[in-house]
Amino acid sequence: MLKYIGENSQNFIGKRVLEIGCGHGLVGIGALKSGAQLCCFQDYNQDVLDNITKTNLILNDIPSENCQFLAGDWNNLGGLEKYDIILGSEIVYK
């Protein structure tokens, strides 16, 4: 997914991105580094967002004003604002 984003970075410039099941947030970080205006990082677990995703954002010098965070399952995604691109990588769940 990161290779695709890097090879198609022009598609992300100025876009609003939602990364579902973000975990480490690497795909969203790639989108932001490719010029996305904003990325909403969604993960089921709030602790993952707080302790892993946000740490990786800091390590990659991503400004916090370009990020949003959403914890919970996908049933609670209704009513979200609109996004130009929705990304999901390695999100296989039973």
PDB file of N, CA and C in Angstrom:
ATOM      1  N   MET A   1       0.832  -1.193   0.000  1.00  0.00           N
ATOM      2  CA  MET A   1       0.000   0.000   0.000  1.00  0.00           C
ATOM      3  C   MET A   1       0.874   1.254   0.000  1.00  0.00           C
ATOM      4  N   LEU A   2       1.940   1.243   0.788  1.00  0.00           N
ATOM      5  CA  LEU A   2       2.820   2.410   0.814  1.00  0.00           C
ATOM      6  C   LEU A   2       3.503   2.624  -0.536  1.00  0.00           C
ATOM      7  N   LYS A   3       3.861   1.548  -1.206  1.00  0.00           N
ATOM      8  CA  LYS A   3       4.467   1.664  -2.528  1.00  0.00           C
ATOM      9  C   LYS A   3       3.469   2.312  -3.493  1.00  0.00           C
ATOM     10  N   TYR A   4       2.214   1.876  -3.442  1.00  0.00           N
ATOM     11  CA  TYR A   4       1.181   2.454  -4.297  1.00  0.00           C
ATOM     12  C   TYR A   4       1.022   3.951  -4.006  1.00  0.00           C
ATOM     13  N   ILE A   5       0.962   4.297  -2.729  1.00  0.00           N
ATOM     14  CA  ILE A   5       0.803   5.713  -2.366  1.00  0.00           C
ATOM     15  C   ILE A   5       1.977   6.531  -2.889  1.00  0.00           C
ATOM     16  N   GLY A   6       3.187   6.016  -2.708  1.00  0.00           N
ATOM     17  CA  GLY A   6       4.365   6.725  -3.191  1.00  0.00           C
ATOM     18  C   GLY A   6       4.375   6.902  -4.705  1.00  0.00           C
ATOM     19  N   GLU A   7       3.936   5.876  -5.408  1.00  0.00           N
ATOM     20  CA  GLU A   7       3.917   5.942  -6.873  1.00  0.00           C
ATOM     21  C   GLU A   7       2.759   6.778  -7.409  1.00  0.00           C
ATOM     22  N   ASN A   8       1.776   7.054  -6.588  1.00  0.00           N
ATOM     23  CA  ASN A   8       0.588   7.807  -7.003  1.00  0.00           C
ATOM     24  C   ASN A   8       0.344   8.999  -6.090  1.00  0.00           C
ATOM     25  N   SER A   9       1.403   9.594  -5.613  1.00  0.00           N
ATOM     26  CA  SER A   9       1.282  10.668  -4.623  1.00  0.00           C
ATOM     27  C   SER A   9       0.445  11.841  -5.123  1.00  0.00           C
ATOM     28  N   GLN A  10       0.419  12.077  -6.420  1.00  0.00           N
ATOM     29  CA  GLN A  10      -0.375  13.186  -6.962  1.00  0.00           C
ATOM     30  C   GLN A  10      -1.861  13.020  -6.650  1.00  0.00           C
ATOM     31  N   ASN A  11      -2.313  11.792  -6.432  1.00  0.00           N
ATOM     32  CA  ASN A  11      -3.722  11.541  -6.120  1.00  0.00           C
ATOM     33  C   ASN A  11      -4.095  11.915  -4.698  1.00  0.00           C
ATOM     34  N   PHE A  12      -3.101  12.182  -3.858  1.00  0.00           N
ATOM     35  CA  PHE A  12      -3.359  12.468  -2.447  1.00  0.00           C
ATOM     36  C   PHE A  12      -3.247  13.947  -2.097  1.00  0.00           C
ATOM     37  N   ILE A  13      -2.724  14.743  -2.998  1.00  0.00           N
ATOM     38  CA  ILE A  13      -2.488  16.158  -2.717  1.00  0.00           C
ATOM     39  C   ILE A  13      -3.802  16.858  -2.398  1.00  0.00           C
ATOM     40  N   GLY A  14      -3.863  17.461  -1.209  1.00  0.00           N
ATOM     41  CA  GLY A  14      -5.028  18.219  -0.775  1.00  0.00           C
ATOM     42  C   GLY A  14      -6.239  17.384  -0.385  1.00  0.00           C
ATOM     43  N   LYS A  15      -6.113  16.082  -0.341  1.00  0.00           N
ATOM     44  CA  LYS A  15      -7.258  15.200  -0.061  1.00  0.00           C
ATOM     45  C   LYS A  15      -7.443  14.974   1.436  1.00  0.00           C
ATOM     46  N   ARG A  16      -8.673  14.626   1.773  1.00  0.00           N
ATOM     47  CA  ARG A  16      -9.044  14.229   3.141  1.00  0.00           C
ATOM     48  C   ARG A  16      -9.128  12.709   3.146  1.00  0.00           C
ATOM     49  N   VAL A  17      -8.324  12.070   4.003  1.00  0.00           N
ATOM     50  CA  VAL A  17      -8.148  10.622   3.984  1.00  0.00           C
ATOM     51  C   VAL A  17      -8.625  10.026   5.306  1.00  0.00           C
ATOM     52  N   LEU A  18      -9.279   8.880   5.220  1.00  0.00           N
ATOM     53  CA  LEU A  18      -9.652   8.075   6.387  1.00  0.00           C
ATOM     54  C   LEU A  18      -8.899   6.760   6.282  1.00  0.00           C
ATOM     55  N   GLU A  19      -8.099   6.428   7.295  1.00  0.00           N
ATOM     56  CA  GLU A  19      -7.450   5.115   7.340  1.00  0.00           C
ATOM     57  C   GLU A  19      -8.159   4.272   8.386  1.00  0.00           C
ATOM     58  N   ILE A  20      -8.872   3.242   7.938  1.00  0.00           N
ATOM     59  CA  ILE A  20      -9.576   2.371   8.874  1.00  0.00           C
ATOM     60  C   ILE A  20      -8.646   1.254   9.337  1.00  0.00           C
ATOM     61  N   GLY A  21      -8.793   0.871  10.604  1.00  0.00           N
ATOM     62  CA  GLY A  21      -7.941  -0.166  11.167  1.00  0.00           C
ATOM     63  C   GLY A  21      -6.474   0.218  11.082  1.00  0.00           C
ATOM     64  N   CYS A  22      -6.162   1.447  11.480  1.00  0.00           N
ATOM     65  CA  CYS A  22      -4.849   2.025  11.191  1.00  0.00           C
ATOM     66  C   CYS A  22      -3.679   1.388  11.938  1.00  0.00           C
ATOM     67  N   GLY A  23      -3.891   0.879  13.142  1.00  0.00           N
ATOM     68  CA  GLY A  23      -2.767   0.305  13.890  1.00  0.00           C
ATOM     69  C   GLY A  23      -1.626   1.285  14.018  1.00  0.00           C
ATOM     70  N   HIS A  24      -0.503   0.976  13.389  1.00  0.00           N
ATOM     71  CA  HIS A  24       0.679   1.838  13.465  1.00  0.00           C
ATOM     72  C   HIS A  24       0.519   3.142  12.694  1.00  0.00           C
ATOM     73  N   GLY A  25      -0.464   3.219  11.809  1.00  0.00           N
ATOM     74  CA  GLY A  25      -0.739   4.447  11.074  1.00  0.00           C
ATOM     75  C   GLY A  25       0.181   4.708   9.899  1.00  0.00           C
ATOM     76  N   LEU A  26       0.912   3.698   9.458  1.00  0.00           N
ATOM     77  CA  LEU A  26       1.897   3.920   8.406  1.00  0.00           C
ATOM     78  C   LEU A  26       1.279   4.323   7.074  1.00  0.00           C
ATOM     79  N   VAL A  27       0.117   3.770   6.749  1.00  0.00           N
ATOM     80  CA  VAL A  27      -0.538   4.113   5.485  1.00  0.00           C
ATOM     81  C   VAL A  27      -1.014   5.570   5.516  1.00  0.00           C
ATOM     82  N   GLY A  28      -1.612   5.985   6.610  1.00  0.00           N
ATOM     83  CA  GLY A  28      -2.030   7.379   6.749  1.00  0.00           C
ATOM     84  C   GLY A  28      -0.854   8.337   6.742  1.00  0.00           C
ATOM     85  N   ILE A  29       0.244   7.928   7.370  1.00  0.00           N
ATOM     86  CA  ILE A  29       1.463   8.743   7.348  1.00  0.00           C
ATOM     87  C   ILE A  29       1.946   8.886   5.910  1.00  0.00           C
ATOM     88  N   GLY A  30       1.921   7.800   5.156  1.00  0.00           N
ATOM     89  CA  GLY A  30       2.309   7.864   3.750  1.00  0.00           C
ATOM     90  C   GLY A  30       1.431   8.818   2.958  1.00  0.00           C
ATOM     91  N   ALA A  31       0.128   8.788   3.235  1.00  0.00           N
ATOM     92  CA  ALA A  31      -0.793   9.699   2.550  1.00  0.00           C
ATOM     93  C   ALA A  31      -0.481  11.151   2.900  1.00  0.00           C
ATOM     94  N   LEU A  32      -0.229  11.417   4.174  1.00  0.00           N
ATOM     95  CA  LEU A  32       0.095  12.784   4.584  1.00  0.00           C
ATOM     96  C   LEU A  32       1.421  13.242   3.982  1.00  0.00           C
ATOM     97  N   LYS A  33       2.401  12.375   3.950  1.00  0.00           N
ATOM     98  CA  LYS A  33       3.701  12.733   3.356  1.00  0.00           C
ATOM     99  C   LYS A  33       3.583  12.907   1.846  1.00  0.00           C
ATOM    100  N   SER A  34       2.531  12.367   1.252  1.00  0.00           N
ATOM    101  CA  SER A  34       2.292  12.540  -0.183  1.00  0.00           C
ATOM    102  C   SER A  34       1.418  13.747  -0.477  1.00  0.00           C
ATOM    103  N   GLY A  35       1.089  14.521   0.546  1.00  0.00           N
ATOM    104  CA  GLY A  35       0.380  15.773   0.327  1.00  0.00           C
ATOM    105  C   GLY A  35      -1.062  15.818   0.764  1.00  0.00           C
ATOM    106  N   ALA A  36      -1.560  14.751   1.409  1.00  0.00           N
ATOM    107  CA  ALA A  36      -2.939  14.804   1.910  1.00  0.00           C
ATOM    108  C   ALA A  36      -3.086  15.963   2.896  1.00  0.00           C
ATOM    109  N   GLN A  37      -4.230  16.595   2.861  1.00  0.00           N
ATOM    110  CA  GLN A  37      -4.523  17.728   3.745  1.00  0.00           C
ATOM    111  C   GLN A  37      -4.761  17.253   5.172  1.00  0.00           C
ATOM    112  N   LEU A  38      -5.426  16.089   5.309  1.00  0.00           N
ATOM    113  CA  LEU A  38      -5.840  15.597   6.616  1.00  0.00           C
ATOM    114  C   LEU A  38      -5.954  14.081   6.553  1.00  0.00           C
ATOM    115  N   CYS A  39      -5.653  13.428   7.669  1.00  0.00           N
ATOM    116  CA  CYS A  39      -5.911  11.991   7.769  1.00  0.00           C
ATOM    117  C   CYS A  39      -6.591  11.714   9.100  1.00  0.00           C
ATOM    118  N   CYS A  40      -7.694  11.008   9.040  1.00  0.00           N
ATOM    119  CA  CYS A  40      -8.368  10.519  10.243  1.00  0.00           C
ATOM    120  C   CYS A  40      -7.912   9.080  10.440  1.00  0.00           C
ATOM    121  N   PHE A  41      -7.261   8.831  11.562  1.00  0.00           N
ATOM    122  CA  PHE A  41      -6.762   7.502  11.901  1.00  0.00           C
ATOM    123  C   PHE A  41      -7.809   6.815  12.765  1.00  0.00           C
ATOM    124  N   GLN A  42      -8.375   5.726  12.269  1.00  0.00           N
ATOM    125  CA  GLN A  42      -9.394   4.974  12.998  1.00  0.00           C
ATOM    126  C   GLN A  42      -8.835   3.622  13.391  1.00  0.00           C
ATOM    127  N   ASP A  43      -9.039   3.253  14.650  1.00  0.00           N
ATOM    128  CA  ASP A  43      -8.690   1.922  15.124  1.00  0.00           C
ATOM    129  C   ASP A  43      -9.703   1.525  16.189  1.00  0.00           C
ATOM    130  N   TYR A  44      -9.928   0.251  16.327  1.00  0.00           N
ATOM    131  CA  TYR A  44     -10.868  -0.239  17.341  1.00  0.00           C
ATOM    132  C   TYR A  44     -10.403   0.125  18.749  1.00  0.00           C
ATOM    133  N   ASN A  45      -9.105   0.096  18.966  1.00  0.00           N
ATOM    134  CA  ASN A  45      -8.532   0.225  20.294  1.00  0.00           C
ATOM    135  C   ASN A  45      -7.950   1.620  20.538  1.00  0.00           C
ATOM    136  N   GLN A  46      -8.487   2.325  21.501  1.00  0.00           N
ATOM    137  CA  GLN A  46      -7.993   3.665  21.838  1.00  0.00           C
ATOM    138  C   GLN A  46      -6.534   3.627  22.288  1.00  0.00           C
ATOM    139  N   ASP A  47      -6.137   2.572  23.013  1.00  0.00           N
ATOM    140  CA  ASP A  47      -4.749   2.463  23.466  1.00  0.00           C
ATOM    141  C   ASP A  47      -3.776   2.389  22.289  1.00  0.00           C
ATOM    142  N   VAL A  48      -4.172   1.725  21.217  1.00  0.00           N
ATOM    143  CA  VAL A  48      -3.320   1.658  20.024  1.00  0.00           C
ATOM    144  C   VAL A  48      -3.129   3.057  19.451  1.00  0.00           C
ATOM    145  N   LEU A  49      -4.212   3.812  19.341  1.00  0.00           N
ATOM    146  CA  LEU A  49      -4.107   5.181  18.828  1.00  0.00           C
ATOM    147  C   LEU A  49      -3.196   6.031  19.704  1.00  0.00           C
ATOM    148  N   ASP A  50      -3.389   5.936  21.016  1.00  0.00           N
ATOM    149  CA  ASP A  50      -2.631   6.775  21.953  1.00  0.00           C
ATOM    150  C   ASP A  50      -1.161   6.399  22.047  1.00  0.00           C
ATOM    151  N   ASN A  51      -0.869   5.105  22.034  1.00  0.00           N
ATOM    152  CA  ASN A  51       0.488   4.654  22.329  1.00  0.00           C
ATOM    153  C   ASN A  51       1.316   4.264  21.114  1.00  0.00           C
ATOM    154  N   ILE A  52       0.677   3.940  20.023  1.00  0.00           N
ATOM    155  CA  ILE A  52       1.425   3.499  18.843  1.00  0.00           C
ATOM    156  C   ILE A  52       1.259   4.489  17.688  1.00  0.00           C
ATOM    157  N   THR A  53       0.018   4.726  17.277  1.00  0.00           N
ATOM    158  CA  THR A  53      -0.218   5.605  16.130  1.00  0.00           C
ATOM    159  C   THR A  53       0.355   6.997  16.377  1.00  0.00           C
ATOM    160  N   LYS A  54       0.004   7.603  17.491  1.00  0.00           N
ATOM    161  CA  LYS A  54       0.458   8.973  17.770  1.00  0.00           C
ATOM    162  C   LYS A  54       1.976   9.050  17.917  1.00  0.00           C
ATOM    163  N   THR A  55       2.584   8.006  18.472  1.00  0.00           N
ATOM    164  CA  THR A  55       4.050   7.967  18.574  1.00  0.00           C
ATOM    165  C   THR A  55       4.678   7.957  17.189  1.00  0.00           C
ATOM    166  N   ASN A  56       4.131   7.156  16.278  1.00  0.00           N
ATOM    167  CA  ASN A  56       4.666   7.113  14.916  1.00  0.00           C
ATOM    168  C   ASN A  56       4.484   8.440  14.191  1.00  0.00           C
ATOM    169  N   LEU A  57       3.406   9.137  14.463  1.00  0.00           N
ATOM    170  CA  LEU A  57       3.210  10.459  13.859  1.00  0.00           C
ATOM    171  C   LEU A  57       4.287  11.427  14.320  1.00  0.00           C
ATOM    172  N   ILE A  58       4.595  11.390  15.608  1.00  0.00           N
ATOM    173  CA  ILE A  58       5.646  12.259  16.157  1.00  0.00           C
ATOM    174  C   ILE A  58       6.995  11.906  15.531  1.00  0.00           C
ATOM    175  N   LEU A  59       7.300  10.607  15.457  1.00  0.00           N
ATOM    176  CA  LEU A  59       8.583  10.163  14.896  1.00  0.00           C
ATOM    177  C   LEU A  59       8.732  10.534  13.425  1.00  0.00           C
ATOM    178  N   ASN A  60       7.613  10.723  12.726  1.00  0.00           N
ATOM    179  CA  ASN A  60       7.632  11.083  11.308  1.00  0.00           C
ATOM    180  C   ASN A  60       7.360  12.558  11.069  1.00  0.00           C
ATOM    181  N   ASP A  61       7.417  13.357  12.137  1.00  0.00           N
ATOM    182  CA  ASP A  61       7.242  14.816  12.030  1.00  0.00           C
ATOM    183  C   ASP A  61       5.940  15.223  11.357  1.00  0.00           C
ATOM    184  N   ILE A  62       4.861  14.521  11.693  1.00  0.00           N
ATOM    185  CA  ILE A  62       3.545  14.862  11.138  1.00  0.00           C
ATOM    186  C   ILE A  62       2.868  15.843  12.093  1.00  0.00           C
ATOM    187  N   PRO A  63       2.501  17.026  11.621  1.00  0.00           N
ATOM    188  CA  PRO A  63       1.828  18.007  12.485  1.00  0.00           C
ATOM    189  C   PRO A  63       0.467  17.495  12.965  1.00  0.00           C
ATOM    190  N   SER A  64       0.189  17.693  14.235  1.00  0.00           N
ATOM    191  CA  SER A  64      -1.057  17.185  14.824  1.00  0.00           C
ATOM    192  C   SER A  64      -2.294  17.821  14.199  1.00  0.00           C
ATOM    193  N   GLU A  65      -2.172  19.028  13.660  1.00  0.00           N
ATOM    194  CA  GLU A  65      -3.344  19.678  13.061  1.00  0.00           C
ATOM    195  C   GLU A  65      -3.785  18.994  11.766  1.00  0.00           C
ATOM    196  N   ASN A  66      -2.967  18.113  11.231  1.00  0.00           N
ATOM    197  CA  ASN A  66      -3.329  17.369  10.030  1.00  0.00           C
ATOM    198  C   ASN A  66      -3.948  16.009  10.359  1.00  0.00           C
ATOM    199  N   CYS A  67      -4.210  15.756  11.648  1.00  0.00           N
ATOM    200  CA  CYS A  67      -4.653  14.429  12.072  1.00  0.00           C
ATOM    201  C   CYS A  67      -5.919  14.496  12.923  1.00  0.00           C
ATOM    202  N   GLN A  68      -6.733  13.476  12.750  1.00  0.00           N
ATOM    203  CA  GLN A  68      -7.879  13.229  13.615  1.00  0.00           C
ATOM    204  C   GLN A  68      -7.782  11.774  14.052  1.00  0.00           C
ATOM    205  N   PHE A  69      -8.466  11.450  15.152  1.00  0.00           N
ATOM    206  CA  PHE A  69      -8.410  10.091  15.678  1.00  0.00           C
ATOM    207  C   PHE A  69      -9.809   9.640  16.056  1.00  0.00           C
ATOM    208  N   LEU A  70     -10.094   8.390  15.752  1.00  0.00           N
ATOM    209  CA  LEU A  70     -11.405   7.832  16.033  1.00  0.00           C
ATOM    210  C   LEU A  70     -11.235   6.400  16.520  1.00  0.00           C
ATOM    211  N   ALA A  71     -11.697   6.116  17.740  1.00  0.00           N
ATOM    212  CA  ALA A  71     -11.626   4.762  18.293  1.00  0.00           C
ATOM    213  C   ALA A  71     -13.012   4.134  18.282  1.00  0.00           C
ATOM    214  N   GLY A  72     -13.052   2.826  18.086  1.00  0.00           N
ATOM    215  CA  GLY A  72     -14.312   2.095  18.118  1.00  0.00           C
ATOM    216  C   GLY A  72     -14.467   1.220  16.892  1.00  0.00           C
ATOM    217  N   ASP A  73     -15.542   0.439  16.889  1.00  0.00           N
ATOM    218  CA  ASP A  73     -15.734  -0.471  15.761  1.00  0.00           C
ATOM    219  C   ASP A  73     -16.380   0.252  14.584  1.00  0.00           C
ATOM    220  N   TRP A  74     -16.417  -0.433  13.461  1.00  0.00           N
ATOM    221  CA  TRP A  74     -16.878   0.193  12.225  1.00  0.00           C
ATOM    222  C   TRP A  74     -18.368   0.468  12.231  1.00  0.00           C
ATOM    223  N   ASN A  75     -19.126  -0.134  13.142  1.00  0.00           N
ATOM    224  CA  ASN A  75     -20.559   0.166  13.237  1.00  0.00           C
ATOM    225  C   ASN A  75     -20.800   1.594  13.687  1.00  0.00           C
ATOM    226  N   ASN A  76     -19.788   2.221  14.296  1.00  0.00           N
ATOM    227  CA  ASN A  76     -19.927   3.588  14.790  1.00  0.00           C
ATOM    228  C   ASN A  76     -19.362   4.622  13.824  1.00  0.00           C
ATOM    229  N   LEU A  77     -19.124   4.233  12.587  1.00  0.00           N
ATOM    230  CA  LEU A  77     -18.558   5.163  11.616  1.00  0.00           C
ATOM    231  C   LEU A  77     -19.614   6.004  10.911  1.00  0.00           C
ATOM    232  N   GLY A  78     -20.884   5.689  11.107  1.00  0.00           N
ATOM    233  CA  GLY A  78     -21.950   6.468  10.496  1.00  0.00           C
ATOM    234  C   GLY A  78     -21.925   7.900  10.985  1.00  0.00           C
ATOM    235  N   GLY A  79     -22.268   8.817  10.121  1.00  0.00           N
ATOM    236  CA  GLY A  79     -22.309  10.224  10.494  1.00  0.00           C
ATOM    237  C   GLY A  79     -20.958  10.913  10.448  1.00  0.00           C
ATOM    238  N   LEU A  80     -19.929  10.225   9.973  1.00  0.00           N
ATOM    239  CA  LEU A  80     -18.621  10.862   9.838  1.00  0.00           C
ATOM    240  C   LEU A  80     -18.669  11.923   8.751  1.00  0.00           C
ATOM    241  N   GLU A  81     -17.754  12.858   8.856  1.00  0.00           N
ATOM    242  CA  GLU A  81     -17.628  13.814   7.773  1.00  0.00           C
ATOM    243  C   GLU A  81     -17.156  13.096   6.519  1.00  0.00           C
ATOM    244  N   LYS A  82     -17.185  13.775   5.416  1.00  0.00           N
ATOM    245  CA  LYS A  82     -16.839  13.173   4.128  1.00  0.00           C
ATOM    246  C   LYS A  82     -15.323  13.123   3.947  1.00  0.00           C
ATOM    247  N   TYR A  83     -14.872  12.030   3.335  1.00  0.00           N
ATOM    248  CA  TYR A  83     -13.461  11.854   3.009  1.00  0.00           C
ATOM    249  C   TYR A  83     -13.333  11.589   1.516  1.00  0.00           C
ATOM    250  N   ASP A  84     -12.230  12.054   0.946  1.00  0.00           N
ATOM    251  CA  ASP A  84     -11.979  11.834  -0.468  1.00  0.00           C
ATOM    252  C   ASP A  84     -11.474  10.417  -0.729  1.00  0.00           C
ATOM    253  N   ILE A  85     -10.699   9.898   0.215  1.00  0.00           N
ATOM    254  CA  ILE A  85     -10.079   8.584   0.056  1.00  0.00           C
ATOM    255  C   ILE A  85     -10.214   7.819   1.367  1.00  0.00           C
ATOM    256  N   ILE A  86     -10.626   6.566   1.274  1.00  0.00           N
ATOM    257  CA  ILE A  86     -10.673   5.677   2.440  1.00  0.00           C
ATOM    258  C   ILE A  86      -9.686   4.544   2.189  1.00  0.00           C
ATOM    259  N   LEU A  87      -8.759   4.369   3.111  1.00  0.00           N
ATOM    260  CA  LEU A  87      -7.713   3.361   2.983  1.00  0.00           C
ATOM    261  C   LEU A  87      -7.837   2.323   4.091  1.00  0.00           C
ATOM    262  N   GLY A  88      -7.538   1.093   3.752  1.00  0.00           N
ATOM    263  CA  GLY A  88      -7.475   0.023   4.745  1.00  0.00           C
ATOM    264  C   GLY A  88      -6.422  -0.973   4.304  1.00  0.00           C
ATOM    265  N   SER A  89      -5.522  -1.299   5.181  1.00  0.00           N
ATOM    266  CA  SER A  89      -4.449  -2.227   4.838  1.00  0.00           C
ATOM    267  C   SER A  89      -4.301  -3.244   5.957  1.00  0.00           C
ATOM    268  N   GLU A  90      -4.288  -4.520   5.588  1.00  0.00           N
ATOM    269  CA  GLU A  90      -4.137  -5.598   6.569  1.00  0.00           C
ATOM    270  C   GLU A  90      -5.203  -5.507   7.664  1.00  0.00           C
ATOM    271  N   ILE A  91      -6.457  -5.450   7.237  1.00  0.00           N
ATOM    272  CA  ILE A  91      -7.568  -5.308   8.190  1.00  0.00           C
ATOM    273  C   ILE A  91      -8.496  -6.525   8.131  1.00  0.00           C
ATOM    274  N   VAL A  92      -7.927  -7.699   8.205  1.00  0.00           N
ATOM    275  CA  VAL A  92      -8.698  -8.923   8.146  1.00  0.00           C
ATOM    276  C   VAL A  92      -9.177  -9.256   9.553  1.00  0.00           C
ATOM    277  N   TYR A  93     -10.491  -9.237   9.747  1.00  0.00           N
ATOM    278  CA  TYR A  93     -11.086  -9.542  11.038  1.00  0.00           C
ATOM    279  C   TYR A  93     -12.171 -10.585  10.860  1.00  0.00           C
ATOM    280  N   LYS A  94     -12.414 -11.351  11.901  1.00  0.00           N
ATOM    281  CA  LYS A  94     -13.515 -12.329  11.880  1.00  0.00           C
ATOM    282  C   LYS A  94     -14.746 -11.705  12.486  1.00  0.00           C
TER     283      LYS A  94
END
